[in-house]
């Protein structure tokens, strides 16, 4: 999580979505990102624990994110 100037929640969500594109994360169609006061909650479903962790890592490294609550479910083992 980054310590820089405060951003709007919409700006943070836009940054996260851009990071998904830059990192070529193609399995986020079932991921919902909600941000309130820099606190991001992830919900939805992914195929693996690796996908769940990668998404969390990307979000944690997004400027303006203060906290990440990862509620993603793994649907395949």
C-alpha atoms as a PDB file:
ATOM      1  CA  UNK A   1       0.000   0.000   0.000  1.00  0.00           C
ATOM      2  CA  UNK A   2       1.290   3.370  -1.015  1.00  0.00           C
ATOM      3  CA  UNK A   3       1.567   6.584   1.010  1.00  0.00           C
ATOM      4  CA  UNK A   4       0.900   9.446  -1.350  1.00  0.00           C
ATOM      5  CA  UNK A   5      -1.564  12.278  -1.762  1.00  0.00           C
ATOM      6  CA  UNK A   6      -5.178  11.318  -1.170  1.00  0.00           C
ATOM      7  CA  UNK A   7      -7.163  10.349  -4.248  1.00  0.00           C
ATOM      8  CA  UNK A   8     -10.871   9.951  -4.802  1.00  0.00           C
ATOM      9  CA  UNK A   9     -12.264   6.444  -4.539  1.00  0.00           C
ATOM     10  CA  UNK A  10     -13.168   6.587  -8.243  1.00  0.00           C
ATOM     11  CA  UNK A  11      -9.552   7.488  -9.102  1.00  0.00           C
ATOM     12  CA  UNK A  12      -8.311   4.537  -7.053  1.00  0.00           C
ATOM     13  CA  UNK A  13     -10.698   2.128  -8.806  1.00  0.00           C
ATOM     14  CA  UNK A  14      -9.602   3.522 -12.183  1.00  0.00           C
ATOM     15  CA  UNK A  15      -5.944   2.973 -11.205  1.00  0.00           C
ATOM     16  CA  UNK A  16      -6.693  -0.614 -10.137  1.00  0.00           C
ATOM     17  CA  UNK A  17      -8.471  -1.375 -13.402  1.00  0.00           C
ATOM     18  CA  UNK A  18      -5.583   0.155 -15.357  1.00  0.00           C
ATOM     19  CA  UNK A  19      -3.118  -1.960 -13.350  1.00  0.00           C
ATOM     20  CA  UNK A  20      -5.102  -5.104 -14.205  1.00  0.00           C
ATOM     21  CA  UNK A  21      -4.762  -4.205 -17.895  1.00  0.00           C
ATOM     22  CA  UNK A  22      -1.051  -3.393 -17.644  1.00  0.00           C
ATOM     23  CA  UNK A  23      -0.346  -6.613 -15.771  1.00  0.00           C
ATOM     24  CA  UNK A  24      -2.413  -8.490 -18.364  1.00  0.00           C
ATOM     25  CA  UNK A  25      -4.702  -9.903 -15.701  1.00  0.00           C
ATOM     26  CA  UNK A  26      -7.406 -11.402 -17.901  1.00  0.00           C
ATOM     27  CA  UNK A  27      -9.368 -13.305 -15.275  1.00  0.00           C
ATOM     28  CA  UNK A  28     -10.957 -10.326 -13.497  1.00  0.00           C
ATOM     29  CA  UNK A  29     -14.346 -10.391 -15.248  1.00  0.00           C
ATOM     30  CA  UNK A  30     -15.880 -11.926 -12.097  1.00  0.00           C
ATOM     31  CA  UNK A  31     -14.089  -9.585  -9.687  1.00  0.00           C
ATOM     32  CA  UNK A  32     -15.904  -6.625  -8.138  1.00  0.00           C
ATOM     33  CA  UNK A  33     -13.754  -3.797  -6.758  1.00  0.00           C
ATOM     34  CA  UNK A  34     -15.325  -1.401  -4.243  1.00  0.00           C
ATOM     35  CA  UNK A  35     -13.409   1.475  -2.681  1.00  0.00           C
ATOM     36  CA  UNK A  36     -14.462   3.677   0.226  1.00  0.00           C
ATOM     37  CA  UNK A  37     -12.026   6.177   1.722  1.00  0.00           C
ATOM     38  CA  UNK A  38      -9.073   4.272   0.248  1.00  0.00           C
ATOM     39  CA  UNK A  39     -10.231   0.948   1.683  1.00  0.00           C
ATOM     40  CA  UNK A  40     -10.708  -1.577  -1.110  1.00  0.00           C
ATOM     41  CA  UNK A  41     -12.930  -4.651  -0.897  1.00  0.00           C
ATOM     42  CA  UNK A  42     -12.588  -7.401  -3.495  1.00  0.00           C
ATOM     43  CA  UNK A  43     -15.476  -9.784  -4.074  1.00  0.00           C
ATOM     44  CA  UNK A  44     -16.280 -12.363  -6.706  1.00  0.00           C
ATOM     45  CA  UNK A  45     -14.698 -15.565  -7.915  1.00  0.00           C
ATOM     46  CA  UNK A  46     -11.312 -16.576  -9.337  1.00  0.00           C
ATOM     47  CA  UNK A  47      -9.943 -19.919 -10.510  1.00  0.00           C
ATOM     48  CA  UNK A  48      -6.959 -20.323  -8.165  1.00  0.00           C
ATOM     49  CA  UNK A  49      -5.262 -19.168  -4.996  1.00  0.00           C
ATOM     50  CA  UNK A  50      -2.508 -17.738  -7.203  1.00  0.00           C
ATOM     51  CA  UNK A  51      -5.040 -15.555  -9.041  1.00  0.00           C
ATOM     52  CA  UNK A  52      -6.519 -14.397  -5.728  1.00  0.00           C
ATOM     53  CA  UNK A  53      -3.093 -13.446  -4.369  1.00  0.00           C
ATOM     54  CA  UNK A  54      -1.948 -11.766  -7.598  1.00  0.00           C
ATOM     55  CA  UNK A  55      -5.047  -9.558  -7.662  1.00  0.00           C
ATOM     56  CA  UNK A  56      -4.540  -8.621  -4.001  1.00  0.00           C
ATOM     57  CA  UNK A  57      -0.871  -7.787  -4.651  1.00  0.00           C
ATOM     58  CA  UNK A  58      -1.788  -5.522  -7.575  1.00  0.00           C
ATOM     59  CA  UNK A  59      -4.411  -3.710  -5.496  1.00  0.00           C
ATOM     60  CA  UNK A  60      -2.074  -3.299  -2.494  1.00  0.00           C
ATOM     61  CA  UNK A  61       0.500  -1.627  -4.740  1.00  0.00           C
ATOM     62  CA  UNK A  62      -1.984   0.813  -6.256  1.00  0.00           C
ATOM     63  CA  UNK A  63      -1.446   4.447  -5.208  1.00  0.00           C
ATOM     64  CA  UNK A  64      -4.038   5.654  -2.712  1.00  0.00           C
ATOM     65  CA  UNK A  65      -4.986   2.225  -1.359  1.00  0.00           C
ATOM     66  CA  UNK A  66      -4.918   2.215   2.438  1.00  0.00           C
ATOM     67  CA  UNK A  67      -6.329  -1.263   3.104  1.00  0.00           C
ATOM     68  CA  UNK A  68      -7.389  -4.320   1.110  1.00  0.00           C
ATOM     69  CA  UNK A  69     -10.094  -6.751   2.189  1.00  0.00           C
ATOM     70  CA  UNK A  70      -9.863  -9.759  -0.106  1.00  0.00           C
ATOM     71  CA  UNK A  71     -13.164 -11.646  -0.144  1.00  0.00           C
ATOM     72  CA  UNK A  72     -12.461 -13.394  -3.445  1.00  0.00           C
ATOM     73  CA  UNK A  73     -13.586 -17.024  -3.620  1.00  0.00           C
ATOM     74  CA  UNK A  74     -11.565 -19.721  -5.335  1.00  0.00           C
ATOM     75  CA  UNK A  75     -13.865 -21.807  -7.535  1.00  0.00           C
ATOM     76  CA  UNK A  76     -11.374 -24.392  -8.838  1.00  0.00           C
ATOM     77  CA  UNK A  77      -8.682 -26.388  -7.120  1.00  0.00           C
END
